Amino acid sequence: MQLKQYPAPHIRNSQTTRGVMADAIAALSFLYAMAYYYHGPRPLVMGLGSVAICLLCDVLCTVIARRRYNLSDYSAIVTGMILPLMMPASVDYRIVAVAGIFAIVVAKAPFGGVGHNVFNPAAAGFSFAAICFGDALFTYPPADLKLPLWGSIEFPLTSSPAFVLRLGGTPNYDSMSILLGKYPGPMGATNILVLVACLIYLVSRGTIRWSMPLSFFATVGVLAFAFPRSAAGGLASVVYELASGLLLFGGIFLLGDPVTTPKREMSKVAFAITSGVMVMLFRHFGNMEEGITFALLVMNAAVWGFDMAGEYVARMIRRRKLETLEGAKVPKKV
């Protein structure tokens, strides 16, 4: 018998990093199409500029580290597309550039590039921009207002339903406006129907596991029902909580990042549930109307704990199965 030696990894899957990133790009493109429909070409220019900045920084960091750049690595493109969608369509181009530079140069490259980063680059880039330019990131143009491509925005900007909830009020938008994204907010996070379609697409493609977003949204819904921020309370509070800010967008495009989440299925579910709790803590007690990116960064730092706990539980399950099969207690280190 002739044995053939192959390099690791030895456990293979039909999915590839390139395929996962391509699916994310396709889903994000639908959100840019809706942003273009509501606000004109400005969101497209923001997206193209952000992708260019992230790609340039990624290439430069790879060259400085004396590594060969992987042309099939689309992660910088995905990060570049995500960042503007979490911001108002009226935000200054320079803020988008700063967020992109921080995401790649600080949150990704120092850890070894794609597959090695501890923190989600897009979440880190947005969080940095939110700390530095909070007012610009949390005031929004009207939902169906066409914006100029260049120059300052002369139109009046307003707050989002997330800000109203933070004050304990009730957003004054009907269900159809919420479903179609006809209310002020981040340009890629308001159209609920398109976001749900993106989720279904990514789950059907196997890009993300259904268990993570389902556990995350269910946790947020239960906490919103039990501890409503809206004066309406009950189910209305659940709807407003899920539909406001970046919660749906983050639960779809940030939470399930395969690099910054645990490896085992049981650990992923526990991670998603804890992330939902952390997000609601930031929403109730944080100083900003949007805390999901900060919550996910905290959770990214704790991934190792979820992995260790998952491995421990998996070993216990294997040991119990062996004890059952052999009818005797197996050695502790088996």
Protein backbone atom coordinates (compact mmCIF):
# COMPACT_ATOMS: atom_id res chain seq x y z
CA MET A 1 0.00 0.00 0.00
CA GLN A 2 1.36 3.40 -1.00
CA LEU A 3 0.71 6.30 1.35
CA LYS A 4 0.58 9.86 0.06
CA GLN A 5 1.57 12.72 2.30
CA TYR A 6 -0.45 15.94 2.17
CA PRO A 7 -0.02 19.15 4.17
CA ALA A 8 -2.54 20.23 6.81
CA PRO A 9 -5.43 20.85 7.16
CA HIS A 10 -6.47 17.22 6.94
CA ILE A 11 -10.14 17.81 7.76
CA ARG A 12 -11.52 19.40 4.62
CA ASN A 13 -14.77 21.11 3.73
CA SER A 14 -16.32 22.10 0.43
CA GLN A 15 -16.37 25.73 1.60
CA THR A 16 -13.39 27.96 0.93
CA THR A 17 -12.43 31.31 2.39
CA ARG A 18 -12.79 32.80 -1.06
CA GLY A 19 -16.30 31.38 -1.44
CA VAL A 20 -17.41 32.63 1.99
CA MET A 21 -16.11 36.13 1.23
CA ALA A 22 -17.73 36.11 -2.22
CA ASP A 23 -21.10 35.26 -0.65
CA ALA A 24 -20.71 38.13 1.83
CA ILE A 25 -19.84 40.52 -1.02
CA ALA A 26 -22.93 39.43 -2.95
CA ALA A 27 -25.20 39.98 0.07
CA LEU A 28 -23.67 43.36 0.86
CA SER A 29 -24.17 44.44 -2.75
CA PHE A 30 -27.96 44.25 -2.29
CA LEU A 31 -27.70 46.67 0.63
CA TYR A 32 -25.68 49.09 -1.51
CA ALA A 33 -28.36 48.84 -4.19
CA MET A 34 -30.98 49.92 -1.65
CA ALA A 35 -28.75 52.71 -0.36
CA TYR A 36 -28.36 53.92 -3.96
CA TYR A 37 -32.14 53.80 -4.41
CA TYR A 38 -32.73 56.00 -1.35
CA HIS A 39 -29.73 58.34 -1.40
CA GLY A 40 -28.31 58.36 -4.93
CA PRO A 41 -24.70 57.58 -5.97
CA ARG A 42 -23.03 58.91 -2.81
CA PRO A 43 -23.22 55.54 -0.93
CA LEU A 44 -21.59 53.79 -3.91
CA VAL A 45 -18.69 56.25 -3.89
CA MET A 46 -18.33 55.76 -0.14
CA GLY A 47 -18.23 51.99 -0.61
CA LEU A 48 -15.71 52.09 -3.45
CA GLY A 49 -13.46 54.50 -1.55
CA SER A 50 -13.63 52.37 1.60
CA VAL A 51 -12.76 49.19 -0.30
CA ALA A 52 -9.83 50.96 -2.00
CA ILE A 53 -8.47 52.22 1.34
CA CYS A 54 -8.79 48.81 3.00
CA LEU A 55 -7.17 47.01 0.06
CA LEU A 56 -4.29 49.48 -0.08
CA CYS A 57 -3.64 49.19 3.66
CA ASP A 58 -3.86 45.40 3.47
CA VAL A 59 -1.33 45.21 0.64
CA LEU A 60 1.07 47.67 2.31
CA CYS A 61 0.92 45.82 5.64
CA THR A 62 1.56 42.51 3.88
CA VAL A 63 4.57 43.95 2.03
CA ILE A 64 5.97 45.49 5.24
CA ALA A 65 5.61 42.11 6.97
CA ARG A 66 7.52 40.54 4.05
CA ARG A 67 4.72 38.17 3.18
CA ARG A 68 3.23 37.36 -0.19
CA TYR A 69 -0.17 38.92 -0.74
CA ASN A 70 -2.94 36.41 -1.39
CA LEU A 71 -4.97 37.62 -4.37
CA SER A 72 -7.85 35.31 -3.44
CA ASP A 73 -8.17 36.98 -0.02
CA TYR A 74 -11.30 39.09 -0.24
CA SER A 75 -11.47 39.90 3.48
CA ALA A 76 -10.28 43.50 2.99
CA ILE A 77 -13.02 44.00 0.39
CA VAL A 78 -15.67 42.70 2.79
CA THR A 79 -14.39 44.96 5.58
CA GLY A 80 -14.35 47.92 3.20
CA MET A 81 -17.94 47.23 2.14
CA ILE A 82 -19.25 46.74 5.68
CA LEU A 83 -17.89 49.95 7.20
CA PRO A 84 -19.86 52.56 5.19
CA LEU A 85 -23.08 50.55 5.50
CA MET A 86 -22.92 51.01 9.28
CA MET A 87 -22.71 54.80 8.87
CA PRO A 88 -25.09 57.54 7.71
CA ALA A 89 -25.13 58.20 3.97
CA SER A 90 -24.23 61.80 4.81
CA VAL A 91 -21.00 61.01 6.68
CA ASP A 92 -17.78 62.67 5.55
CA TYR A 93 -15.61 60.53 3.26
CA ARG A 94 -12.62 61.17 5.52
CA ILE A 95 -14.35 59.46 8.45
CA VAL A 96 -14.90 56.37 6.32
CA ALA A 97 -11.21 56.42 5.38
CA VAL A 98 -10.10 56.71 9.03
CA ALA A 99 -12.32 53.77 10.00
CA GLY A 100 -10.89 51.66 7.17
CA ILE A 101 -7.29 52.47 8.05
CA PHE A 102 -7.84 51.60 11.71
CA ALA A 103 -9.64 48.36 10.81
CA ILE A 104 -6.75 47.03 8.72
CA VAL A 105 -3.64 48.65 10.21
CA VAL A 106 -4.57 48.27 13.88
CA ALA A 107 -7.21 45.52 14.19
CA LYS A 108 -6.07 43.10 11.49
CA ALA A 109 -2.45 43.34 10.31
CA PRO A 110 -0.60 43.30 13.69
CA PHE A 111 -2.12 39.90 14.52
CA GLY A 112 -0.89 38.26 11.32
CA GLY A 113 -3.55 39.13 8.78
CA VAL A 114 -6.58 37.14 7.67
CA GLY A 115 -7.37 34.15 9.84
CA HIS A 116 -5.32 35.40 12.78
CA ASN A 117 -7.03 38.61 13.90
CA VAL A 118 -8.49 38.53 17.41
CA PHE A 119 -11.01 41.33 16.84
CA ASN A 120 -13.45 41.82 13.99
CA PRO A 121 -11.77 44.54 11.88
CA ALA A 122 -15.03 46.19 10.77
CA ALA A 123 -16.35 46.33 14.34
CA ALA A 124 -13.05 47.79 15.53
CA GLY A 125 -12.95 50.39 12.74
CA PHE A 126 -16.51 51.55 13.38
CA SER A 127 -15.98 51.67 17.15
CA PHE A 128 -12.88 53.83 16.71
CA ALA A 129 -14.77 56.19 14.39
CA ALA A 130 -17.71 56.32 16.82
CA ILE A 131 -15.41 57.38 19.66
CA CYS A 132 -13.69 60.04 17.55
CA PHE A 133 -16.61 61.33 15.46
CA GLY A 134 -19.72 60.35 17.43
CA ASP A 135 -21.94 63.25 16.39
CA ALA A 136 -21.27 62.70 12.68
CA LEU A 137 -21.93 58.96 12.93
CA PHE A 138 -25.20 59.20 14.84
CA THR A 139 -27.10 61.87 12.93
CA TYR A 140 -28.86 60.80 9.75
CA PRO A 141 -30.48 62.30 6.65
CA PRO A 142 -34.14 61.54 5.85
CA ALA A 143 -34.60 58.04 4.48
CA ASP A 144 -35.50 58.95 0.89
CA LEU A 145 -33.33 62.04 0.42
CA LYS A 146 -30.94 62.15 -2.56
CA LEU A 147 -27.61 63.48 -1.33
CA PRO A 148 -24.98 65.48 -3.24
CA LEU A 149 -21.91 63.52 -4.31
CA TRP A 150 -19.40 66.13 -3.13
CA GLY A 151 -19.32 69.01 -0.70
CA SER A 152 -21.01 69.50 2.63
CA ILE A 153 -24.51 68.27 3.39
CA GLU A 154 -26.82 71.27 3.73
CA PHE A 155 -29.95 69.28 4.54
CA PRO A 156 -31.13 68.94 8.15
CA LEU A 157 -30.02 65.73 9.85
CA THR A 158 -32.02 63.91 12.48
CA SER A 159 -31.69 61.16 15.07
CA SER A 160 -32.60 57.50 14.59
CA PRO A 161 -35.11 55.26 16.42
CA ALA A 162 -32.13 53.89 18.40
CA PHE A 163 -31.65 57.34 19.93
CA VAL A 164 -35.36 57.59 20.77
CA LEU A 165 -35.19 54.21 22.52
CA ARG A 166 -32.13 55.32 24.46
CA LEU A 167 -34.20 58.21 25.84
CA GLY A 168 -36.99 55.83 26.82
CA GLY A 169 -39.37 57.01 24.10
CA THR A 170 -41.31 55.20 21.38
CA PRO A 171 -40.27 55.63 17.71
CA ASN A 172 -43.11 57.03 15.62
CA TYR A 173 -42.84 54.76 12.58
CA ASP A 174 -45.39 52.26 11.27
CA SER A 175 -44.55 48.64 10.49
CA MET A 176 -44.37 49.18 6.70
CA SER A 177 -41.86 52.00 7.08
CA ILE A 178 -39.74 49.78 9.32
CA LEU A 179 -39.86 46.86 6.87
CA LEU A 180 -38.91 49.05 3.89
CA GLY A 181 -36.30 51.12 5.70
CA LYS A 182 -38.15 54.42 5.42
CA TYR A 183 -36.74 55.90 8.61
CA PRO A 184 -33.41 57.55 9.54
CA GLY A 185 -30.54 55.22 10.36
CA PRO A 186 -27.33 53.61 9.07
CA MET A 187 -27.67 53.36 5.32
CA GLY A 188 -27.27 49.58 5.22
CA ALA A 189 -29.14 48.64 8.38
CA THR A 190 -32.66 50.02 8.00
CA ASN A 191 -34.30 47.92 5.27
CA ILE A 192 -35.48 44.92 7.29
CA LEU A 193 -36.81 42.95 4.31
CA VAL A 194 -33.49 43.12 2.46
CA LEU A 195 -31.56 42.22 5.62
CA VAL A 196 -33.75 39.16 6.18
CA ALA A 197 -33.23 38.16 2.54
CA CYS A 198 -29.45 38.51 3.04
CA LEU A 199 -29.66 36.30 6.13
CA ILE A 200 -31.62 33.61 4.28
CA TYR A 201 -29.14 33.73 1.39
CA LEU A 202 -26.07 33.40 3.62
CA VAL A 203 -27.63 30.58 5.67
CA SER A 204 -28.71 28.69 2.54
CA ARG A 205 -25.19 28.99 1.15
CA GLY A 206 -23.70 27.69 4.39
CA THR A 207 -21.71 30.90 4.85
CA ILE A 208 -23.14 31.39 8.33
CA ARG A 209 -24.80 28.89 10.66
CA TRP A 210 -28.46 29.53 11.45
CA SER A 211 -27.89 28.74 15.13
CA MET A 212 -25.82 31.87 15.82
CA PRO A 213 -28.13 34.63 14.52
CA LEU A 214 -31.20 32.78 15.81
CA SER A 215 -29.74 32.49 19.31
CA PHE A 216 -28.56 36.10 19.23
CA PHE A 217 -31.85 37.61 18.04
CA ALA A 218 -33.89 35.41 20.39
CA THR A 219 -31.80 36.56 23.36
CA VAL A 220 -32.21 40.21 22.43
CA GLY A 221 -35.95 39.70 21.91
CA VAL A 222 -36.45 38.05 25.30
CA LEU A 223 -34.49 40.77 27.10
CA ALA A 224 -36.30 43.53 25.19
CA PHE A 225 -39.64 42.02 26.23
CA ALA A 226 -38.58 41.56 29.86
CA PHE A 227 -36.79 44.92 30.20
CA PRO A 228 -38.32 47.28 27.60
CA ARG A 229 -36.67 50.59 26.87
CA SER A 230 -39.68 51.76 24.89
CA ALA A 231 -42.71 53.18 26.67
CA ALA A 232 -44.84 50.93 24.44
CA GLY A 233 -43.45 47.80 26.12
CA GLY A 234 -44.27 44.21 25.19
CA LEU A 235 -43.94 43.02 21.62
CA ALA A 236 -43.66 46.57 20.28
CA SER A 237 -40.48 47.00 22.30
CA VAL A 238 -39.09 43.78 20.80
CA VAL A 239 -39.79 45.00 17.26
CA TYR A 240 -38.25 48.42 17.84
CA GLU A 241 -35.21 46.92 19.56
CA LEU A 242 -34.50 44.46 16.75
CA ALA A 243 -35.17 46.96 13.97
CA SER A 244 -33.23 49.91 15.38
CA GLY A 245 -29.57 50.71 14.94
CA LEU A 246 -27.11 48.06 13.76
CA LEU A 247 -28.56 45.08 15.61
CA LEU A 248 -29.87 43.12 12.62
CA PHE A 249 -26.95 44.12 10.43
CA GLY A 250 -24.40 43.21 13.10
CA GLY A 251 -26.11 39.93 13.89
CA ILE A 252 -25.84 38.94 10.22
CA PHE A 253 -22.50 40.34 9.05
CA LEU A 254 -20.39 40.76 12.22
CA LEU A 255 -21.48 38.15 14.76
CA GLY A 256 -20.79 35.07 12.62
CA ASP A 257 -17.29 36.03 11.48
CA PRO A 258 -15.55 32.60 11.42
CA VAL A 259 -12.20 34.03 12.57
CA THR A 260 -13.45 35.84 15.69
CA THR A 261 -15.99 33.27 16.92
CA PRO A 262 -15.59 29.90 18.69
CA LYS A 263 -15.02 26.72 16.70
CA ARG A 264 -17.49 24.20 18.16
CA GLU A 265 -21.23 24.45 17.58
CA MET A 266 -22.14 24.45 21.29
CA SER A 267 -19.58 27.19 21.90
CA LYS A 268 -20.96 29.25 19.02
CA VAL A 269 -24.48 29.14 20.48
CA ALA A 270 -23.21 30.09 23.95
CA PHE A 271 -21.18 32.89 22.34
CA ALA A 272 -24.23 34.21 20.47
CA ILE A 273 -26.45 34.15 23.56
CA THR A 274 -23.83 35.92 25.67
CA SER A 275 -23.33 38.46 22.87
CA GLY A 276 -27.05 39.22 22.94
CA VAL A 277 -26.87 39.85 26.68
CA MET A 278 -23.78 42.03 26.25
CA VAL A 279 -25.42 44.10 23.49
CA MET A 280 -28.46 44.80 25.66
CA LEU A 281 -26.23 45.79 28.57
CA PHE A 282 -24.48 48.30 26.30
CA ARG A 283 -27.83 49.57 25.03
CA HIS A 284 -29.25 50.02 28.53
CA PHE A 285 -26.17 51.42 30.26
CA GLY A 286 -23.82 52.61 27.50
CA ASN A 287 -23.16 56.23 26.63
CA MET A 288 -23.87 55.75 22.91
CA GLU A 289 -27.07 54.87 21.14
CA GLU A 290 -25.34 52.00 19.33
CA GLY A 291 -23.24 49.53 21.31
CA ILE A 292 -23.24 46.32 19.27
CA THR A 293 -19.74 46.82 17.86
CA PHE A 294 -18.32 47.51 21.33
CA ALA A 295 -20.14 44.47 22.72
CA LEU A 296 -18.79 42.23 19.97
CA LEU A 297 -15.23 43.45 20.54
CA VAL A 298 -15.56 42.50 24.21
CA MET A 299 -16.88 39.10 23.16
CA ASN A 300 -14.07 38.64 20.62
CA ALA A 301 -11.58 38.96 23.45
CA ALA A 302 -13.37 36.16 25.32
CA VAL A 303 -13.51 33.63 22.45
CA TRP A 304 -10.67 31.58 23.94
CA GLY A 305 -12.79 30.96 27.05
CA PHE A 306 -15.71 29.66 24.97
CA ASP A 307 -13.33 27.42 23.01
CA MET A 308 -11.81 25.98 26.19
CA ALA A 309 -15.23 25.35 27.72
CA GLY A 310 -16.44 23.73 24.49
CA GLU A 311 -13.43 21.40 24.37
CA TYR A 312 -13.94 20.44 28.00
CA VAL A 313 -17.61 19.57 27.43
CA ALA A 314 -16.73 17.65 24.26
CA ARG A 315 -14.15 15.57 26.18
CA MET A 316 -16.69 14.82 28.89
CA ILE A 317 -19.21 13.64 26.29
CA ARG A 318 -16.62 11.41 24.61
CA ARG A 319 -15.57 9.96 27.96
CA ARG A 320 -19.17 9.18 28.88
CA LYS A 321 -19.70 7.43 25.54
CA LEU A 322 -16.57 5.32 26.06
CA GLU A 323 -17.66 4.42 29.58
CA THR A 324 -21.02 3.32 28.22
CA LEU A 325 -19.47 1.23 25.43
CA GLU A 326 -16.81 -0.41 27.57
CA GLY A 327 -18.92 -0.75 30.69
CA ALA A 328 -16.08 0.56 32.80
CA LYS A 329 -14.52 3.88 33.69
CA VAL A 330 -11.82 4.92 31.23
CA PRO A 331 -8.55 6.59 32.30
CA LYS A 332 -8.83 10.30 32.98
CA LYS A 333 -6.45 11.32 30.16
CA VAL A 334 -8.17 9.36 27.38
